[in-house]
Protein backbone atom coordinates (compact mmCIF):
# COMPACT_ATOMS: atom_id res chain seq x y z
CA UNK A 1 -150.07 -168.50 -151.10
CA UNK A 2 -148.70 -172.22 -151.02
CA UNK A 3 -144.54 -172.34 -151.34
CA UNK A 4 -144.80 -174.69 -154.38
CA UNK A 5 -147.23 -172.20 -156.38
CA UNK A 6 -144.96 -169.12 -155.12
CA UNK A 7 -141.65 -171.46 -157.06
CA UNK A 8 -144.03 -171.52 -160.20
CA UNK A 9 -145.03 -168.41 -160.28
CA UNK A 10 -141.09 -166.90 -160.16
CA UNK A 11 -139.92 -169.12 -162.73
CA UNK A 12 -142.76 -167.86 -165.11
CA UNK A 13 -142.35 -164.29 -164.47
CA UNK A 14 -138.12 -165.15 -164.71
CA UNK A 15 -138.85 -167.07 -168.18
CA UNK A 16 -140.95 -163.82 -169.12
CA UNK A 17 -137.81 -161.43 -168.79
CA UNK A 18 -135.67 -163.48 -170.54
CA UNK A 19 -133.29 -165.90 -168.05
CA UNK A 20 -131.13 -167.69 -169.69
CA UNK A 21 -131.51 -171.68 -169.49
CA UNK A 22 -128.90 -171.78 -166.90
CA UNK A 23 -130.77 -169.60 -165.23
CA UNK A 24 -133.73 -170.83 -164.75
CA UNK A 25 -132.36 -174.38 -164.26
CA UNK A 26 -130.60 -172.59 -161.27
CA UNK A 27 -133.89 -171.99 -160.03
CA UNK A 28 -135.30 -174.60 -160.26
CA UNK A 29 -132.13 -176.68 -158.69
CA UNK A 30 -132.45 -174.74 -155.76
CA UNK A 31 -136.55 -174.67 -155.29
CA UNK A 32 -136.64 -179.05 -155.84
CA UNK A 33 -133.77 -178.77 -152.92
CA UNK A 34 -135.34 -175.89 -151.12
CA UNK A 35 -139.03 -177.14 -151.58
CA UNK A 36 -138.39 -180.89 -150.41
CA UNK A 37 -136.46 -179.11 -147.10
CA UNK A 38 -139.79 -176.85 -146.62
CA UNK A 39 -142.04 -179.74 -146.14
CA UNK A 40 -140.00 -182.13 -144.27
CA UNK A 41 -140.02 -178.95 -141.51
CA UNK A 42 -143.61 -178.64 -142.37
CA UNK A 43 -143.44 -174.95 -143.88
CA UNK A 44 -145.61 -175.15 -146.81
CA UNK A 45 -147.55 -171.16 -146.95
CA UNK A 46 -145.20 -168.40 -147.48
CA UNK A 47 -146.73 -166.59 -144.30
CA UNK A 48 -145.23 -168.84 -142.47
CA UNK A 49 -141.25 -167.96 -144.30
CA UNK A 50 -138.98 -166.61 -141.09
CA UNK A 51 -135.18 -165.56 -140.86
CA UNK A 52 -134.59 -168.42 -139.49
CA UNK A 53 -136.28 -170.82 -141.56
CA UNK A 54 -133.97 -170.22 -144.25
CA UNK A 55 -131.21 -169.79 -142.10
CA UNK A 56 -131.76 -173.47 -140.76
CA UNK A 57 -131.68 -174.69 -144.41
CA UNK A 58 -128.80 -173.04 -145.43
CA UNK A 59 -127.17 -174.92 -142.56
CA UNK A 60 -128.08 -178.21 -143.46
CA UNK A 61 -126.77 -177.23 -147.08
CA UNK A 62 -123.59 -176.77 -145.19
CA UNK A 63 -124.22 -179.98 -143.25
CA UNK A 64 -124.34 -181.94 -146.49
CA UNK A 65 -121.28 -181.24 -147.05
CA UNK A 66 -122.21 -177.69 -149.53
CA UNK A 67 -119.42 -175.43 -150.29
CA UNK A 68 -119.44 -171.69 -149.23
CA UNK A 69 -119.67 -170.98 -153.34
CA UNK A 70 -122.64 -173.08 -153.31
CA UNK A 71 -124.14 -171.85 -150.19
CA UNK A 72 -123.92 -168.35 -151.78
CA UNK A 73 -125.18 -169.42 -155.13
CA UNK A 74 -128.33 -170.81 -153.22
CA UNK A 75 -128.70 -167.25 -150.83
CA UNK A 76 -128.11 -165.31 -153.49
CA UNK A 77 -131.19 -166.57 -155.23
CA UNK A 78 -133.11 -167.34 -152.42
CA UNK A 79 -132.43 -163.19 -152.11
CA UNK A 80 -133.87 -162.86 -155.41
CA UNK A 81 -137.25 -165.05 -154.36
CA UNK A 82 -137.43 -162.78 -151.28
CA UNK A 83 -137.72 -159.75 -153.32
CA UNK A 84 -139.86 -160.83 -155.41
CA UNK A 85 -142.33 -161.90 -152.48
CA UNK A 86 -142.07 -158.50 -151.06
CA UNK A 87 -143.41 -157.15 -154.73
CA UNK A 88 -146.18 -158.71 -155.28
CA UNK A 89 -147.17 -158.25 -151.95
CA UNK A 90 -146.78 -161.57 -150.52
CA UNK A 91 -144.88 -161.48 -147.63
CA UNK A 92 -143.74 -158.21 -145.87
CA UNK A 93 -141.04 -158.90 -144.77
CA UNK A 94 -137.82 -159.98 -145.64
CA UNK A 95 -136.61 -163.86 -144.86
CA UNK A 96 -132.97 -163.12 -146.06
CA UNK A 97 -132.83 -159.98 -143.67
CA UNK A 98 -129.10 -160.00 -141.80
CA UNK A 99 -128.20 -163.71 -143.99
CA UNK A 100 -124.55 -162.73 -144.93
CA UNK A 101 -122.77 -164.02 -147.71
CA UNK A 102 -120.08 -166.80 -146.53
CA UNK A 103 -116.54 -165.90 -147.58
CA UNK A 104 -115.32 -167.77 -150.51
CA UNK A 105 -111.61 -169.10 -151.19
CA UNK A 106 -111.25 -167.10 -154.47
CA UNK A 107 -107.34 -168.50 -155.31
CA UNK A 108 -107.41 -169.79 -158.22
CA UNK A 109 -107.48 -173.28 -158.89
CA UNK A 110 -103.67 -174.08 -160.50
CA UNK A 111 -102.77 -177.14 -162.81
CA UNK A 112 -99.21 -177.98 -162.21
CA UNK A 113 -97.22 -177.56 -165.51
CA UNK A 114 -95.80 -181.04 -165.41
CA UNK A 115 -99.29 -182.08 -165.30
CA UNK A 116 -100.13 -180.21 -168.71
CA UNK A 117 -97.32 -181.15 -169.91
CA UNK A 118 -98.41 -185.01 -169.55
CA UNK A 119 -101.97 -184.47 -170.92
CA UNK A 120 -100.99 -182.86 -174.08
CA UNK A 121 -98.06 -185.23 -174.97
CA UNK A 122 -100.44 -187.91 -174.32
CA UNK A 123 -103.16 -186.66 -176.19
CA UNK A 124 -100.98 -185.79 -178.57
CA UNK A 125 -99.04 -189.41 -179.09
CA UNK A 126 -103.06 -190.87 -178.86
CA UNK A 127 -103.85 -188.46 -181.96
CA UNK A 128 -101.13 -189.64 -183.84
CA UNK A 129 -101.08 -193.28 -183.28
CA UNK A 130 -104.96 -193.36 -183.67
CA UNK A 131 -105.73 -190.70 -185.76
CA UNK A 132 -109.46 -191.18 -184.72
CA UNK A 133 -112.73 -189.20 -183.91
CA UNK A 134 -112.15 -189.36 -180.42
CA UNK A 135 -108.61 -188.74 -180.22
CA UNK A 136 -108.11 -185.88 -182.22
CA UNK A 137 -111.12 -183.91 -181.50
CA UNK A 138 -110.02 -184.74 -178.18
CA UNK A 139 -106.90 -183.45 -178.40
CA UNK A 140 -108.24 -180.30 -179.89
CA UNK A 141 -110.69 -179.13 -177.24
CA UNK A 142 -108.03 -179.59 -174.62
CA UNK A 143 -105.63 -176.87 -176.84
CA UNK A 144 -108.35 -175.06 -177.53
CA UNK A 145 -109.17 -174.10 -174.06
CA UNK A 146 -105.64 -173.27 -173.10
CA UNK A 147 -105.42 -171.31 -176.76
CA UNK A 148 -108.09 -169.37 -175.87
CA UNK A 149 -108.88 -169.18 -172.41
CA UNK A 150 -112.57 -169.84 -173.56
CA UNK A 151 -115.59 -170.98 -170.94
CA UNK A 152 -116.91 -174.20 -171.48
CA UNK A 153 -120.53 -173.25 -172.41
CA UNK A 154 -118.37 -170.89 -174.31
CA UNK A 155 -116.50 -173.70 -176.01
CA UNK A 156 -119.67 -176.45 -176.48
CA UNK A 157 -121.42 -172.93 -177.85
CA UNK A 158 -118.69 -172.62 -181.00
CA UNK A 159 -120.17 -172.63 -184.06
CA UNK A 160 -117.86 -172.72 -187.29
CA UNK A 161 -119.25 -169.89 -189.16
CA UNK A 162 -118.45 -167.76 -185.45
CA UNK A 163 -114.33 -168.63 -185.92
CA UNK A 164 -112.31 -166.17 -189.24
CA UNK A 165 -109.57 -168.06 -189.99
CA UNK A 166 -109.20 -164.81 -192.61
CA UNK A 167 -109.26 -162.17 -189.85
CA UNK A 168 -107.77 -164.66 -186.85
CA UNK A 169 -110.72 -164.14 -184.62
CA UNK A 170 -113.20 -166.28 -182.62
CA UNK A 171 -116.82 -164.75 -182.20
CA UNK A 172 -118.29 -165.79 -178.45
CA UNK A 173 -122.25 -165.47 -179.03
CA UNK A 174 -122.81 -166.85 -175.39
CA UNK A 175 -120.27 -165.51 -173.15
CA UNK A 176 -120.77 -164.55 -169.30
CA UNK A 177 -123.43 -162.34 -169.03
CA UNK A 178 -124.83 -162.52 -172.48
CA UNK A 179 -122.65 -159.81 -173.63
CA UNK A 180 -121.10 -161.18 -177.30
CA UNK A 181 -117.20 -161.07 -177.62
CA UNK A 182 -114.24 -162.36 -179.22
CA UNK A 183 -110.43 -163.71 -178.85
CA UNK A 184 -107.55 -163.37 -181.06
CA UNK A 185 -107.09 -166.83 -183.08
CA UNK A 186 -103.82 -167.47 -183.12
CA UNK A 187 -101.96 -169.72 -186.15
CA UNK A 188 -100.51 -172.23 -184.10
CA UNK A 189 -104.73 -173.02 -183.25
CA UNK A 190 -105.88 -171.89 -186.29
CA UNK A 191 -103.77 -175.06 -187.89
CA UNK A 192 -105.24 -176.94 -185.58
CA UNK A 193 -108.48 -176.35 -186.17
CA UNK A 194 -108.08 -176.29 -189.57
CA UNK A 195 -106.72 -180.43 -189.61
CA UNK A 196 -110.14 -180.56 -187.11
CA UNK A 197 -111.97 -179.49 -190.02
CA UNK A 198 -110.54 -180.99 -192.40
CA UNK A 199 -111.78 -183.77 -191.19
CA UNK A 200 -114.96 -183.57 -189.87
CA UNK A 201 -115.64 -182.65 -193.07
CA UNK A 202 -114.00 -185.92 -195.30
CA UNK A 203 -115.90 -187.74 -191.80
CA UNK A 204 -119.85 -186.78 -192.79
CA UNK A 205 -121.94 -185.42 -195.66
CA UNK A 206 -122.73 -182.56 -194.55
CA UNK A 207 -119.98 -180.68 -191.71
CA UNK A 208 -122.34 -179.84 -188.78
CA UNK A 209 -122.77 -176.46 -187.55
CA UNK A 210 -120.74 -176.86 -184.19
CA UNK A 211 -117.05 -176.91 -184.11
CA UNK A 212 -117.08 -179.95 -181.49
CA UNK A 213 -119.41 -182.57 -182.08
CA UNK A 214 -120.58 -186.70 -181.02
CA UNK A 215 -119.79 -189.33 -183.42
CA UNK A 216 -123.42 -188.47 -184.71
CA UNK A 217 -122.48 -184.81 -185.01
CA UNK A 218 -124.25 -183.17 -183.04
CA UNK A 219 -123.30 -180.85 -180.19
CA UNK A 220 -120.91 -182.06 -177.98
CA UNK A 221 -122.36 -180.88 -174.60
CA UNK A 222 -121.01 -178.79 -171.54
CA UNK A 223 -120.95 -182.83 -169.78
CA UNK A 224 -119.29 -184.34 -172.64
CA UNK A 225 -116.16 -182.25 -172.47
CA UNK A 226 -116.18 -182.38 -168.42
CA UNK A 227 -116.55 -186.03 -168.85
CA UNK A 228 -113.20 -186.39 -171.10
CA UNK A 229 -111.01 -184.16 -169.01
CA UNK A 230 -112.49 -186.38 -165.66
CA UNK A 231 -111.64 -189.43 -167.15
CA UNK A 232 -107.88 -188.11 -168.95
CA UNK A 233 -107.22 -186.73 -164.78
CA UNK A 234 -108.28 -190.18 -163.34
CA UNK A 235 -106.22 -192.69 -166.66
CA UNK A 236 -103.06 -190.10 -166.07
CA UNK A 237 -103.36 -190.24 -162.14
CA UNK A 238 -103.97 -186.21 -162.15
CA UNK A 239 -103.95 -185.44 -158.87
CA UNK A 240 -104.51 -181.72 -157.84
CA UNK A 241 -106.68 -179.63 -160.25
CA UNK A 242 -107.63 -180.69 -163.49
CA UNK A 243 -111.15 -179.48 -164.76
CA UNK A 244 -112.11 -177.79 -168.21
CA UNK A 245 -112.32 -174.15 -165.91
CA UNK A 246 -108.84 -175.45 -164.48
CA UNK A 247 -107.65 -175.09 -168.50
CA UNK A 248 -108.80 -171.16 -168.51
CA UNK A 249 -106.30 -170.45 -165.29
CA UNK A 250 -103.87 -172.38 -167.39
CA UNK A 251 -104.16 -169.92 -170.33
CA UNK A 252 -103.60 -166.95 -168.00
CA UNK A 253 -101.70 -168.64 -166.02
CA UNK A 254 -98.76 -169.21 -169.64
CA UNK A 255 -99.71 -165.57 -171.05
CA UNK A 256 -98.26 -164.65 -167.14
CA UNK A 257 -95.14 -166.59 -167.94
CA UNK A 258 -94.59 -165.31 -171.44
CA UNK A 259 -94.14 -161.63 -170.09
CA UNK A 260 -97.55 -160.40 -170.66
CA UNK A 261 -99.08 -157.34 -169.13
CA UNK A 262 -101.69 -157.05 -166.96
CA UNK A 263 -104.10 -155.25 -168.90
CA UNK A 264 -102.98 -157.10 -172.16
CA UNK A 265 -103.85 -160.53 -170.14
CA UNK A 266 -107.19 -158.16 -169.11
CA UNK A 267 -108.25 -158.02 -172.20
CA UNK A 268 -107.52 -161.03 -173.00
CA UNK A 269 -109.60 -162.75 -170.97
CA UNK A 270 -112.16 -160.64 -170.57
CA UNK A 271 -111.86 -159.68 -167.07
CA UNK A 272 -114.54 -157.03 -166.74
CA UNK A 273 -112.19 -155.51 -163.84
CA UNK A 274 -108.08 -155.71 -163.57
CA UNK A 275 -108.23 -156.76 -159.83
CA UNK A 276 -108.96 -159.99 -161.05
CA UNK A 277 -106.79 -160.43 -163.59
CA UNK A 278 -104.34 -159.09 -160.67
CA UNK A 279 -105.06 -162.18 -158.00
CA UNK A 280 -103.55 -164.57 -160.23
CA UNK A 281 -99.98 -163.00 -159.52
CA UNK A 282 -100.09 -164.01 -155.74
CA UNK A 283 -100.24 -167.94 -157.35
CA UNK A 284 -98.53 -167.85 -160.00
CA UNK A 285 -94.79 -166.24 -158.25
CA UNK A 286 -92.81 -169.81 -158.36
CA UNK A 287 -93.81 -170.12 -162.43
CA UNK A 288 -92.02 -166.25 -162.79
CA UNK A 289 -88.50 -167.27 -161.41
CA UNK A 290 -87.13 -167.85 -164.51
CA UNK A 291 -88.91 -164.53 -165.83
CA UNK A 292 -87.32 -162.74 -162.29
CA UNK A 293 -83.81 -164.68 -163.01
CA UNK A 294 -83.77 -163.34 -167.02
CA UNK A 295 -84.59 -159.49 -165.92
CA UNK A 296 -82.81 -159.81 -162.44
CA UNK A 297 -83.14 -155.78 -161.18
CA UNK A 298 -80.24 -156.46 -158.92
CA UNK A 299 -77.97 -157.19 -162.11
CA UNK A 300 -75.46 -154.53 -162.61
CA UNK A 301 -76.07 -153.40 -159.33
CA UNK A 302 -73.52 -155.74 -156.85
């Protein structure tokens, strides 16, 4: 079978299985790159595939600057393709056998406290001076990310009917793992979201369903949020890590700083395993010195 044909058939199968758009896009992006590489190497048919050809492809990705996480993501997708080829009896040997994932640096990306304070002061000042669509929306986006720990896909998927202001709850219909979940809505964030909603209601004849929108009233995209955060980082000269997902780490860090326990943080962050939550502690030790000083176990002993 032609390799290109196997790509198309696998994607069709995954669509039938109900994979998310993001997952399907991951396969399409991989097969686009992998197909071009096979073509350059003169590999056209599935019977020509070998373990060495897959290893060579992954090495070329590494040479082109792909990070370990990206390499591992590609390998996982290739493994799924290999399993499908075997199940369909297109090939009889696993072309990924013995190829191991690369060790990743799984340390949380830490945003400096001074950078968060700088960004929030800037956005708040801009909102107060301009009182414009972008200044109000962008400020609300930033505090929503920090105040809920929502992932970027979850944030842009929010509709107004997902926010229960009475019971102080945000329903997450498109969460990681495709499971519906929820997070509490704090009083501070509820006040800011109410203010943003009032602005939107005043601006548009019929209020758009999405919480975060562009000027045309259309749902803001993931790319739109990323560009906003990227420009903010550039404008303020922030050099460290500063991204939408890093705001989720700020959420966890500040829960730790404000003395929430691990189990509470696990539930609020919606980590499937508490070990994922526990890894943050070591990276925030310098931020927790004030807590140690306040509750010093040596006080009264010496």
